[in-house]
Amino acid sequence: MADTPLRFALLTPIVTLLPRRGPTWEADGGPEDLRQIALAADRLGYHHLTCSEHVGIPTEVAKVRGGRYYDPLATFGYMAAITQRVRFLTHVIVLPYHHPLAVAKRYGTLDRMSGGRLILGVGVGSLREEFELLDAAFDQRADLYTDGLKALRAALGKRQPVYHGEHYRFDDFIIDPWAVQERMPIWLGGRTPLSLRRALAAADGWDPFGMDIDRLGELLAQAREWPEWRQRDEPFDVALAPEPLYDVTDQQQRSDLIDLVARYQAAGATMLNMSFRSRNLEHYLEQLGVFAESVVPRFA
């Protein structure tokens, strides 16, 4: 195996439904199912659970992106109250929808309520219709995102943050409660070389989606030669989501998944957000145990 150990997390079932995966038991899932999943993830040592953010999806777009997106604050607040170790990753919130201080306050409160277990995943956003629905500036989103990241870093973990940027300026305000993590991890979404450069320069990790594994390996190999990578002093996470999905209770499929995980590790992953092909909640929970006991130790 590669020298860098892998950590394993879960793409939380139920909270998002993707049409490309077809009809599953998740469509009828709810809070009781999520309670059992969170408790199992906590007990078995998975690194984090995920929850994405969308307020509204146009009907036609939902045919591709899906229409269900649980709210991360409410979802993670519930899960944090019943767990002790597992962390929580927003996967991702669209930063230009929000003022950075609103994010710092809301998610700083969640960080405090969870005992410092939040990872803040943020993205620039791409759905024009949702920007318009929320009266957010779609054409300015890149500039708002760049400045918002700096403002967010200045605000998180501080009671009286100070920032003076191009779009956001604040001082002489108390933000209480605030995040208990002095440097809350921020991971950036995206799938382009630009998103990776931004993450290396301004964040603690990169959380891309929908990328071919070979292309991913090529990009990460190139990135190791970039000044942004060479100049980093802090650890940097690369969190990937393996596809296709497997049923790890089947010995052959488990073997195939082990080979796939090894390829992701070789490509440069430090973290894998896992999903499994499952028939029902009980089957899914069984796979969490099998994977934790039979697969995770191979990559530690």
C-alpha atoms as a PDB file:
ATOM      1  CA  MET A   1       0.000   0.000   0.000  1.00  0.00           C
ATOM      2  CA  ALA A   2       0.995   3.652  -0.304  1.00  0.00           C
ATOM      3  CA  ASP A   3       2.830   5.334   2.546  1.00  0.00           C
ATOM      4  CA  THR A   4       0.026   7.755   3.393  1.00  0.00           C
ATOM      5  CA  PRO A   5      -2.657   6.086   5.545  1.00  0.00           C
ATOM      6  CA  LEU A   6      -6.245   6.532   4.469  1.00  0.00           C
ATOM      7  CA  ARG A   7      -9.112   7.661   6.644  1.00  0.00           C
ATOM      8  CA  PHE A   8     -12.673   6.677   5.830  1.00  0.00           C
ATOM      9  CA  ALA A   9     -15.892   8.662   6.125  1.00  0.00           C
ATOM     10  CA  LEU A  10     -19.477   8.246   4.948  1.00  0.00           C
ATOM     11  CA  LEU A  11     -21.566  10.041   2.375  1.00  0.00           C
ATOM     12  CA  THR A  12     -24.647  10.083   4.557  1.00  0.00           C
ATOM     13  CA  PRO A  13     -27.568   8.182   3.017  1.00  0.00           C
ATOM     14  CA  ILE A  14     -31.079   9.658   2.902  1.00  0.00           C
ATOM     15  CA  VAL A  15     -30.063  13.333   3.227  1.00  0.00           C
ATOM     16  CA  THR A  16     -29.467  13.613  -0.535  1.00  0.00           C
ATOM     17  CA  LEU A  17     -31.092  11.520  -3.274  1.00  0.00           C
ATOM     18  CA  LEU A  18     -29.269  11.287  -6.621  1.00  0.00           C
ATOM     19  CA  PRO A  19     -31.417  10.090  -9.540  1.00  0.00           C
ATOM     20  CA  ARG A  20     -28.473   8.354 -11.277  1.00  0.00           C
ATOM     21  CA  ARG A  21     -28.396   5.798  -8.470  1.00  0.00           C
ATOM     22  CA  GLY A  22     -31.996   4.832  -9.123  1.00  0.00           C
ATOM     23  CA  PRO A  23     -34.750   4.136  -6.572  1.00  0.00           C
ATOM     24  CA  THR A  24     -33.466   2.874  -3.227  1.00  0.00           C
ATOM     25  CA  TRP A  25     -34.660   2.390   0.344  1.00  0.00           C
ATOM     26  CA  GLU A  26     -33.261   5.845   1.135  1.00  0.00           C
ATOM     27  CA  ALA A  27     -36.285   7.593  -0.392  1.00  0.00           C
ATOM     28  CA  ASP A  28     -38.439   6.510   2.540  1.00  0.00           C
ATOM     29  CA  GLY A  29     -35.719   6.979   5.165  1.00  0.00           C
ATOM     30  CA  GLY A  30     -35.931   9.569   7.903  1.00  0.00           C
ATOM     31  CA  PRO A  31     -34.676  10.676  11.328  1.00  0.00           C
ATOM     32  CA  GLU A  32     -34.784   7.235  12.970  1.00  0.00           C
ATOM     33  CA  ASP A  33     -32.682   5.748  10.165  1.00  0.00           C
ATOM     34  CA  LEU A  34     -30.230   8.638  10.409  1.00  0.00           C
ATOM     35  CA  ARG A  35     -29.991   8.101  14.158  1.00  0.00           C
ATOM     36  CA  GLN A  36     -28.940   4.495  13.640  1.00  0.00           C
ATOM     37  CA  ILE A  37     -26.457   5.445  10.924  1.00  0.00           C
ATOM     38  CA  ALA A  38     -24.870   8.186  13.048  1.00  0.00           C
ATOM     39  CA  LEU A  39     -24.556   5.894  16.062  1.00  0.00           C
ATOM     40  CA  ALA A  40     -22.990   3.139  13.944  1.00  0.00           C
ATOM     41  CA  ALA A  41     -20.537   5.560  12.306  1.00  0.00           C
ATOM     42  CA  ASP A  42     -19.566   6.876  15.729  1.00  0.00           C
ATOM     43  CA  ARG A  43     -19.111   3.411  17.224  1.00  0.00           C
ATOM     44  CA  LEU A  44     -17.145   2.020  14.262  1.00  0.00           C
ATOM     45  CA  GLY A  45     -14.715   4.933  14.037  1.00  0.00           C
ATOM     46  CA  TYR A  46     -15.663   6.547  10.723  1.00  0.00           C
ATOM     47  CA  HIS A  47     -14.106   9.988  10.401  1.00  0.00           C
ATOM     48  CA  HIS A  48     -17.139  12.051   9.422  1.00  0.00           C
ATOM     49  CA  LEU A  49     -20.651  12.159   8.026  1.00  0.00           C
ATOM     50  CA  THR A  50     -21.701  14.530   5.242  1.00  0.00           C
ATOM     51  CA  CYS A  51     -24.634  16.786   4.418  1.00  0.00           C
ATOM     52  CA  SER A  52     -24.976  19.116   1.419  1.00  0.00           C
ATOM     53  CA  GLU A  53     -26.755  22.439   1.015  1.00  0.00           C
ATOM     54  CA  HIS A  54     -29.373  23.447  -1.510  1.00  0.00           C
ATOM     55  CA  VAL A  55     -32.443  25.541  -0.741  1.00  0.00           C
ATOM     56  CA  GLY A  56     -34.426  24.867  -3.902  1.00  0.00           C
ATOM     57  CA  ILE A  57     -33.785  22.846  -7.068  1.00  0.00           C
ATOM     58  CA  PRO A  58     -35.623  23.644 -10.319  1.00  0.00           C
ATOM     59  CA  THR A  59     -37.855  20.770 -11.408  1.00  0.00           C
ATOM     60  CA  GLU A  60     -35.905  20.047 -14.599  1.00  0.00           C
ATOM     61  CA  VAL A  61     -32.532  20.257 -12.838  1.00  0.00           C
ATOM     62  CA  ALA A  62     -33.779  17.843 -10.168  1.00  0.00           C
ATOM     63  CA  LYS A  63     -33.925  15.116 -12.822  1.00  0.00           C
ATOM     64  CA  VAL A  64     -30.120  15.179 -12.740  1.00  0.00           C
ATOM     65  CA  ARG A  65     -29.177  16.610  -9.336  1.00  0.00           C
ATOM     66  CA  GLY A  66     -32.077  15.318  -7.323  1.00  0.00           C
ATOM     67  CA  GLY A  67     -34.533  17.368  -5.305  1.00  0.00           C
ATOM     68  CA  ARG A  68     -33.786  16.290  -1.723  1.00  0.00           C
ATOM     69  CA  TYR A  69     -31.146  18.145   0.297  1.00  0.00           C
ATOM     70  CA  TYR A  70     -31.431  18.090   4.077  1.00  0.00           C
ATOM     71  CA  ASP A  71     -30.304  21.263   5.827  1.00  0.00           C
ATOM     72  CA  PRO A  72     -26.806  20.712   7.296  1.00  0.00           C
ATOM     73  CA  LEU A  73     -27.335  22.764  10.468  1.00  0.00           C
ATOM     74  CA  ALA A  74     -30.457  20.939  11.571  1.00  0.00           C
ATOM     75  CA  THR A  75     -29.145  17.535  10.492  1.00  0.00           C
ATOM     76  CA  PHE A  76     -25.764  17.863  12.173  1.00  0.00           C
ATOM     77  CA  GLY A  77     -27.223  19.423  15.300  1.00  0.00           C
ATOM     78  CA  TYR A  78     -29.379  16.314  15.712  1.00  0.00           C
ATOM     79  CA  MET A  79     -26.484  13.957  15.021  1.00  0.00           C
ATOM     80  CA  ALA A  80     -24.057  15.822  17.267  1.00  0.00           C
ATOM     81  CA  ALA A  81     -26.405  15.429  20.220  1.00  0.00           C
ATOM     82  CA  ILE A  82     -26.346  11.620  20.010  1.00  0.00           C
ATOM     83  CA  THR A  83     -22.676  10.989  19.107  1.00  0.00           C
ATOM     84  CA  GLN A  84     -19.279  11.586  20.689  1.00  0.00           C
ATOM     85  CA  ARG A  85     -16.497  11.130  18.128  1.00  0.00           C
ATOM     86  CA  VAL A  86     -17.658  11.269  14.530  1.00  0.00           C
ATOM     87  CA  ARG A  87     -17.094  14.594  12.781  1.00  0.00           C
ATOM     88  CA  PHE A  88     -19.422  16.450  10.400  1.00  0.00           C
ATOM     89  CA  LEU A  89     -18.585  17.774   6.918  1.00  0.00           C
ATOM     90  CA  THR A  90     -20.751  20.261   5.031  1.00  0.00           C
ATOM     91  CA  HIS A  91     -20.473  18.813   1.538  1.00  0.00           C
ATOM     92  CA  VAL A  92     -20.729  21.692   0.539  1.00  0.00           C
ATOM     93  CA  ILE A  93     -22.411  24.950   1.503  1.00  0.00           C
ATOM     94  CA  VAL A  94     -22.520  27.530  -1.279  1.00  0.00           C
ATOM     95  CA  LEU A  95     -20.552  30.397   0.211  1.00  0.00           C
ATOM     96  CA  PRO A  96     -21.827  33.210  -2.077  1.00  0.00           C
ATOM     97  CA  TYR A  97     -25.352  32.546  -0.749  1.00  0.00           C
ATOM     98  CA  HIS A  98     -24.267  33.798   2.688  1.00  0.00           C
ATOM     99  CA  HIS A  99     -22.488  36.618   4.453  1.00  0.00           C
ATOM    100  CA  PRO A 100     -19.285  35.158   5.955  1.00  0.00           C
ATOM    101  CA  LEU A 101     -20.260  36.331   9.442  1.00  0.00           C
ATOM    102  CA  ALA A 102     -23.577  34.483   9.164  1.00  0.00           C
ATOM    103  CA  VAL A 103     -21.641  31.305   8.334  1.00  0.00           C
ATOM    104  CA  ALA A 104     -19.179  31.937  11.167  1.00  0.00           C
ATOM    105  CA  LYS A 105     -22.026  32.445  13.647  1.00  0.00           C
ATOM    106  CA  ARG A 106     -24.236  29.537  12.603  1.00  0.00           C
ATOM    107  CA  TYR A 107     -21.536  26.980  12.034  1.00  0.00           C
ATOM    108  CA  GLY A 108     -19.439  28.320  14.894  1.00  0.00           C
ATOM    109  CA  THR A 109     -22.418  27.611  17.133  1.00  0.00           C
ATOM    110  CA  LEU A 110     -22.655  24.094  15.677  1.00  0.00           C
ATOM    111  CA  ASP A 111     -18.924  23.581  16.246  1.00  0.00           C
ATOM    112  CA  ARG A 112     -19.354  24.560  19.882  1.00  0.00           C
ATOM    113  CA  MET A 113     -22.440  22.387  20.348  1.00  0.00           C
ATOM    114  CA  SER A 114     -20.620  19.393  18.848  1.00  0.00           C
ATOM    115  CA  GLY A 115     -17.448  19.878  20.862  1.00  0.00           C
ATOM    116  CA  GLY A 116     -15.309  20.985  17.910  1.00  0.00           C
ATOM    117  CA  ARG A 117     -16.280  18.300  15.408  1.00  0.00           C
ATOM    118  CA  LEU A 118     -17.136  20.386  12.350  1.00  0.00           C
ATOM    119  CA  ILE A 119     -15.362  20.483   8.981  1.00  0.00           C
ATOM    120  CA  LEU A 120     -16.639  23.316   6.821  1.00  0.00           C
ATOM    121  CA  GLY A 121     -16.872  22.334   3.169  1.00  0.00           C
ATOM    122  CA  VAL A 122     -17.636  25.294   0.915  1.00  0.00           C
ATOM    123  CA  GLY A 123     -18.143  25.822  -2.805  1.00  0.00           C
ATOM    124  CA  VAL A 124     -18.625  28.614  -5.289  1.00  0.00           C
ATOM    125  CA  GLY A 125     -21.961  27.331  -6.649  1.00  0.00           C
ATOM    126  CA  SER A 126     -23.118  26.745 -10.214  1.00  0.00           C
ATOM    127  CA  LEU A 127     -26.921  26.751 -10.229  1.00  0.00           C
ATOM    128  CA  ARG A 128     -28.005  30.109 -11.632  1.00  0.00           C
ATOM    129  CA  GLU A 129     -31.687  29.516 -10.917  1.00  0.00           C
ATOM    130  CA  GLU A 130     -31.007  28.993  -7.221  1.00  0.00           C
ATOM    131  CA  PHE A 131     -28.844  32.115  -7.052  1.00  0.00           C
ATOM    132  CA  GLU A 132     -31.728  34.066  -8.563  1.00  0.00           C
ATOM    133  CA  LEU A 133     -34.216  32.450  -6.183  1.00  0.00           C
ATOM    134  CA  LEU A 134     -32.118  33.613  -3.226  1.00  0.00           C
ATOM    135  CA  ASP A 135     -31.390  37.027  -4.766  1.00  0.00           C
ATOM    136  CA  ALA A 136     -27.676  36.214  -4.809  1.00  0.00           C
ATOM    137  CA  ALA A 137     -25.262  37.583  -7.409  1.00  0.00           C
ATOM    138  CA  PHE A 138     -24.514  34.705  -9.804  1.00  0.00           C
ATOM    139  CA  ASP A 139     -22.178  36.675 -12.084  1.00  0.00           C
ATOM    140  CA  GLN A 140     -20.165  37.941  -9.107  1.00  0.00           C
ATOM    141  CA  ARG A 141     -19.946  34.602  -7.355  1.00  0.00           C
ATOM    142  CA  ALA A 142     -16.245  33.981  -8.040  1.00  0.00           C
ATOM    143  CA  ASP A 143     -15.199  37.323  -6.530  1.00  0.00           C
ATOM    144  CA  LEU A 144     -17.588  36.916  -3.595  1.00  0.00           C
ATOM    145  CA  TYR A 145     -16.252  33.414  -3.027  1.00  0.00           C
ATOM    146  CA  THR A 146     -12.604  34.478  -3.059  1.00  0.00           C
ATOM    147  CA  ASP A 147     -13.157  37.372  -0.667  1.00  0.00           C
ATOM    148  CA  GLY A 148     -15.647  35.378   1.381  1.00  0.00           C
ATOM    149  CA  LEU A 149     -13.073  32.646   2.013  1.00  0.00           C
ATOM    150  CA  LYS A 150     -10.629  35.180   3.428  1.00  0.00           C
ATOM    151  CA  ALA A 151     -13.338  36.783   5.531  1.00  0.00           C
ATOM    152  CA  LEU A 152     -14.501  33.405   6.797  1.00  0.00           C
ATOM    153  CA  ARG A 153     -10.987  32.416   7.819  1.00  0.00           C
ATOM    154  CA  ALA A 154     -10.645  35.719   9.660  1.00  0.00           C
ATOM    155  CA  ALA A 155     -13.962  35.222  11.477  1.00  0.00           C
ATOM    156  CA  LEU A 156     -14.041  31.555  12.497  1.00  0.00           C
ATOM    157  CA  GLY A 157     -12.972  30.876  16.057  1.00  0.00           C
ATOM    158  CA  LYS A 158     -12.922  34.549  17.080  1.00  0.00           C
ATOM    159  CA  ARG A 159     -15.253  36.492  19.343  1.00  0.00           C
ATOM    160  CA  GLN A 160     -14.392  39.869  17.799  1.00  0.00           C
ATOM    161  CA  PRO A 161     -13.222  39.191  14.234  1.00  0.00           C
ATOM    162  CA  VAL A 162     -11.698  41.869  12.049  1.00  0.00           C
ATOM    163  CA  TYR A 163     -11.588  41.824   8.258  1.00  0.00           C
ATOM    164  CA  HIS A 164     -11.370  44.475   5.550  1.00  0.00           C
ATOM    165  CA  GLY A 165     -11.692  43.071   2.049  1.00  0.00           C
ATOM    166  CA  GLU A 166     -13.076  43.977  -1.332  1.00  0.00           C
ATOM    167  CA  HIS A 167     -16.648  42.834  -0.670  1.00  0.00           C
ATOM    168  CA  TYR A 168     -16.763  42.151   3.075  1.00  0.00           C
ATOM    169  CA  ARG A 169     -15.639  44.433   5.880  1.00  0.00           C
ATOM    170  CA  PHE A 170     -16.252  44.061   9.589  1.00  0.00           C
ATOM    171  CA  ASP A 171     -14.802  44.990  12.965  1.00  0.00           C
ATOM    172  CA  ASP A 172     -16.139  46.148  16.342  1.00  0.00           C
ATOM    173  CA  PHE A 173     -18.778  43.388  16.369  1.00  0.00           C
ATOM    174  CA  ILE A 174     -19.064  40.527  18.859  1.00  0.00           C
ATOM    175  CA  ILE A 175     -19.852  37.113  17.383  1.00  0.00           C
ATOM    176  CA  ASP A 176     -20.835  34.956  20.352  1.00  0.00           C
ATOM    177  CA  PRO A 177     -20.863  31.962  20.429  1.00  0.00           C
ATOM    178  CA  TRP A 178     -17.950  31.270  18.133  1.00  0.00           C
ATOM    179  CA  ALA A 179     -16.230  28.108  16.914  1.00  0.00           C
ATOM    180  CA  VAL A 180     -14.224  26.255  19.555  1.00  0.00           C
ATOM    181  CA  GLN A 181     -11.688  25.088  16.980  1.00  0.00           C
ATOM    182  CA  GLU A 182      -9.052  27.804  16.707  1.00  0.00           C
ATOM    183  CA  ARG A 183      -8.569  26.797  13.072  1.00  0.00           C
ATOM    184  CA  MET A 184     -11.689  25.049  11.882  1.00  0.00           C
ATOM    185  CA  PRO A 185     -10.822  22.882   8.864  1.00  0.00           C
ATOM    186  CA  ILE A 186     -12.124  24.346   5.605  1.00  0.00           C
ATOM    187  CA  TRP A 187     -12.321  22.114   2.544  1.00  0.00           C
ATOM    188  CA  LEU A 188     -13.135  23.452  -0.909  1.00  0.00           C
ATOM    189  CA  GLY A 189     -15.379  21.709  -3.394  1.00  0.00           C
ATOM    190  CA  GLY A 190     -15.012  21.815  -7.166  1.00  0.00           C
ATOM    191  CA  ARG A 191     -13.445  19.667  -9.855  1.00  0.00           C
ATOM    192  CA  THR A 192     -11.055  21.977 -11.706  1.00  0.00           C
ATOM    193  CA  PRO A 193      -7.348  22.775 -11.371  1.00  0.00           C
ATOM    194  CA  LEU A 194      -8.433  26.249 -10.227  1.00  0.00           C
ATOM    195  CA  SER A 195     -10.449  24.802  -7.349  1.00  0.00           C
ATOM    196  CA  LEU A 196      -7.428  22.743  -6.278  1.00  0.00           C
ATOM    197  CA  ARG A 197      -5.148  25.796  -6.441  1.00  0.00           C
ATOM    198  CA  ARG A 198      -7.634  27.760  -4.334  1.00  0.00           C
ATOM    199  CA  ALA A 199      -7.780  24.962  -1.790  1.00  0.00           C
ATOM    200  CA  LEU A 200      -3.993  24.718  -1.535  1.00  0.00           C
ATOM    201  CA  ALA A 201      -3.690  28.473  -1.118  1.00  0.00           C
ATOM    202  CA  ALA A 202      -6.608  29.182   1.218  1.00  0.00           C
ATOM    203  CA  ALA A 203      -7.975  25.997   2.795  1.00  0.00           C
ATOM    204  CA  ASP A 204      -7.155  22.726   4.527  1.00  0.00           C
ATOM    205  CA  GLY A 205      -8.465  20.263   1.985  1.00  0.00           C
ATOM    206  CA  TRP A 206      -9.974  19.637  -1.435  1.00  0.00           C
ATOM    207  CA  ASP A 207     -13.261  17.758  -1.840  1.00  0.00           C
ATOM    208  CA  PRO A 208     -13.868  17.289  -5.587  1.00  0.00           C
ATOM    209  CA  PHE A 209     -16.800  15.482  -7.167  1.00  0.00           C
ATOM    210  CA  GLY A 210     -17.400  13.428 -10.279  1.00  0.00           C
ATOM    211  CA  MET A 211     -13.786  13.169 -11.423  1.00  0.00           C
ATOM    212  CA  ASP A 212     -12.301  10.233 -13.328  1.00  0.00           C
ATOM    213  CA  ILE A 213      -9.712   8.537 -11.133  1.00  0.00           C
ATOM    214  CA  ASP A 214      -6.991   8.582 -13.796  1.00  0.00           C
ATOM    215  CA  ARG A 215      -7.503  12.294 -14.457  1.00  0.00           C
ATOM    216  CA  LEU A 216      -7.503  12.865 -10.730  1.00  0.00           C
ATOM    217  CA  GLY A 217      -4.154  11.125 -10.324  1.00  0.00           C
ATOM    218  CA  GLU A 218      -2.661  13.173 -13.153  1.00  0.00           C
ATOM    219  CA  LEU A 219      -3.902  16.438 -11.674  1.00  0.00           C
ATOM    220  CA  LEU A 220      -2.608  15.649  -8.185  1.00  0.00           C
ATOM    221  CA  ALA A 221       0.777  14.648  -9.622  1.00  0.00           C
ATOM    222  CA  GLN A 222       0.968  17.979 -11.433  1.00  0.00           C
ATOM    223  CA  ALA A 223      -0.185  19.865  -8.342  1.00  0.00           C
ATOM    224  CA  ARG A 224       2.739  18.549  -6.271  1.00  0.00           C
ATOM    225  CA  GLU A 225       4.979  20.664  -8.499  1.00  0.00           C
ATOM    226  CA  TRP A 226       2.940  23.841  -8.000  1.00  0.00           C
ATOM    227  CA  PRO A 227       4.311  26.509  -5.659  1.00  0.00           C
ATOM    228  CA  GLU A 228       1.009  26.427  -3.738  1.00  0.00           C
ATOM    229  CA  TRP A 229       1.709  22.803  -2.802  1.00  0.00           C
ATOM    230  CA  ARG A 230       5.438  23.201  -2.129  1.00  0.00           C
ATOM    231  CA  GLN A 231       4.922  26.238   0.081  1.00  0.00           C
ATOM    232  CA  ARG A 232       2.371  24.597   2.384  1.00  0.00           C
ATOM    233  CA  ASP A 233       3.394  23.985   5.979  1.00  0.00           C
ATOM    234  CA  GLU A 234       0.022  22.625   7.149  1.00  0.00           C
ATOM    235  CA  PRO A 235      -1.391  19.158   6.327  1.00  0.00           C
ATOM    236  CA  PHE A 236      -3.693  19.025   3.312  1.00  0.00           C
ATOM    237  CA  ASP A 237      -6.564  16.566   2.854  1.00  0.00           C
ATOM    238  CA  VAL A 238      -7.765  15.226  -0.480  1.00  0.00           C
ATOM    239  CA  ALA A 239     -11.218  13.734   0.073  1.00  0.00           C
ATOM    240  CA  LEU A 240     -12.614  11.598  -2.739  1.00  0.00           C
ATOM    241  CA  ALA A 241     -15.781   9.548  -3.231  1.00  0.00           C
ATOM    242  CA  PRO A 242     -15.168   6.156  -4.906  1.00  0.00           C
ATOM    243  CA  GLU A 243     -17.492   4.937  -7.616  1.00  0.00           C
ATOM    244  CA  PRO A 244     -18.981   2.550  -8.671  1.00  0.00           C
ATOM    245  CA  LEU A 245     -20.707   1.259  -5.548  1.00  0.00           C
ATOM    246  CA  TYR A 246     -20.222  -2.222  -4.131  1.00  0.00           C
ATOM    247  CA  ASP A 247     -21.907  -4.543  -1.641  1.00  0.00           C
ATOM    248  CA  VAL A 248     -19.075  -5.427   0.747  1.00  0.00           C
ATOM    249  CA  THR A 249     -21.002  -8.328   2.260  1.00  0.00           C
ATOM    250  CA  ASP A 250     -20.246 -10.112  -1.034  1.00  0.00           C
ATOM    251  CA  GLN A 251     -16.669 -11.439  -0.981  1.00  0.00           C
ATOM    252  CA  GLN A 252     -15.919 -10.747  -4.658  1.00  0.00           C
ATOM    253  CA  GLN A 253     -17.368  -7.237  -4.534  1.00  0.00           C
ATOM    254  CA  ARG A 254     -15.400  -6.564  -1.355  1.00  0.00           C
ATOM    255  CA  SER A 255     -12.231  -7.642  -3.134  1.00  0.00           C
ATOM    256  CA  ASP A 256     -13.067  -5.387  -6.088  1.00  0.00           C
ATOM    257  CA  LEU A 257     -13.643  -2.454  -3.731  1.00  0.00           C
ATOM    258  CA  ILE A 258     -10.310  -3.062  -1.992  1.00  0.00           C
ATOM    259  CA  ASP A 259      -8.599  -2.819  -5.386  1.00  0.00           C
ATOM    260  CA  LEU A 260     -10.479   0.403  -6.160  1.00  0.00           C
ATOM    261  CA  VAL A 261      -9.617   1.949  -2.795  1.00  0.00           C
ATOM    262  CA  ALA A 262      -5.953   1.126  -3.418  1.00  0.00           C
ATOM    263  CA  ARG A 263      -6.151   3.001  -6.723  1.00  0.00           C
ATOM    264  CA  TYR A 264      -7.595   6.058  -4.986  1.00  0.00           C
ATOM    265  CA  GLN A 265      -4.857   5.898  -2.376  1.00  0.00           C
ATOM    266  CA  ALA A 266      -2.219   5.679  -5.091  1.00  0.00           C
ATOM    267  CA  ALA A 267      -3.795   8.663  -6.855  1.00  0.00           C
ATOM    268  CA  GLY A 268      -3.278  10.782  -3.744  1.00  0.00           C
ATOM    269  CA  ALA A 269      -6.408  10.482  -1.594  1.00  0.00           C
ATOM    270  CA  THR A 270      -6.037  10.993   2.150  1.00  0.00           C
ATOM    271  CA  MET A 271      -9.755  10.548   2.875  1.00  0.00           C
ATOM    272  CA  LEU A 272     -12.518   8.543   1.176  1.00  0.00           C
ATOM    273  CA  ASN A 273     -16.200   9.404   1.493  1.00  0.00           C
ATOM    274  CA  MET A 274     -17.787   5.975   1.177  1.00  0.00           C
ATOM    275  CA  SER A 275     -21.137   4.805  -0.169  1.00  0.00           C
ATOM    276  CA  PHE A 276     -22.349   1.222  -0.544  1.00  0.00           C
ATOM    277  CA  ARG A 277     -24.878  -0.620  -2.676  1.00  0.00           C
ATOM    278  CA  SER A 278     -27.534  -1.623  -0.159  1.00  0.00           C
ATOM    279  CA  ARG A 279     -31.035  -3.103  -0.135  1.00  0.00           C
ATOM    280  CA  ASN A 280     -32.278  -1.549   3.100  1.00  0.00           C
ATOM    281  CA  LEU A 281     -31.109   0.089   6.306  1.00  0.00           C
ATOM    282  CA  GLU A 282     -30.159  -3.213   7.936  1.00  0.00           C
ATOM    283  CA  HIS A 283     -28.055  -4.204   4.927  1.00  0.00           C
ATOM    284  CA  TYR A 284     -26.361  -0.793   4.943  1.00  0.00           C
ATOM    285  CA  LEU A 285     -25.527  -1.003   8.653  1.00  0.00           C
ATOM    286  CA  GLU A 286     -24.149  -4.516   8.138  1.00  0.00           C
ATOM    287  CA  GLN A 287     -21.838  -3.172   5.445  1.00  0.00           C
ATOM    288  CA  LEU A 288     -20.570  -0.419   7.740  1.00  0.00           C
ATOM    289  CA  GLY A 289     -19.391  -3.095  10.143  1.00  0.00           C
ATOM    290  CA  VAL A 290     -17.888  -5.356   7.468  1.00  0.00           C
ATOM    291  CA  PHE A 291     -16.037  -2.472   5.842  1.00  0.00           C
ATOM    292  CA  ALA A 292     -14.695  -1.151   9.159  1.00  0.00           C
ATOM    293  CA  GLU A 293     -13.468  -4.581  10.224  1.00  0.00           C
ATOM    294  CA  SER A 294     -12.292  -6.084   6.921  1.00  0.00           C
ATOM    295  CA  VAL A 295     -11.210  -3.195   4.688  1.00  0.00           C
ATOM    296  CA  VAL A 296     -10.171  -0.205   6.823  1.00  0.00           C
ATOM    297  CA  PRO A 297      -7.259  -1.999   8.586  1.00  0.00           C
ATOM    298  CA  ARG A 298      -5.624  -2.743   5.210  1.00  0.00           C
ATOM    299  CA  PHE A 299      -5.086   0.972   4.589  1.00  0.00           C
ATOM    300  CA  ALA A 300      -4.153   2.214   8.061  1.00  0.00           C
END
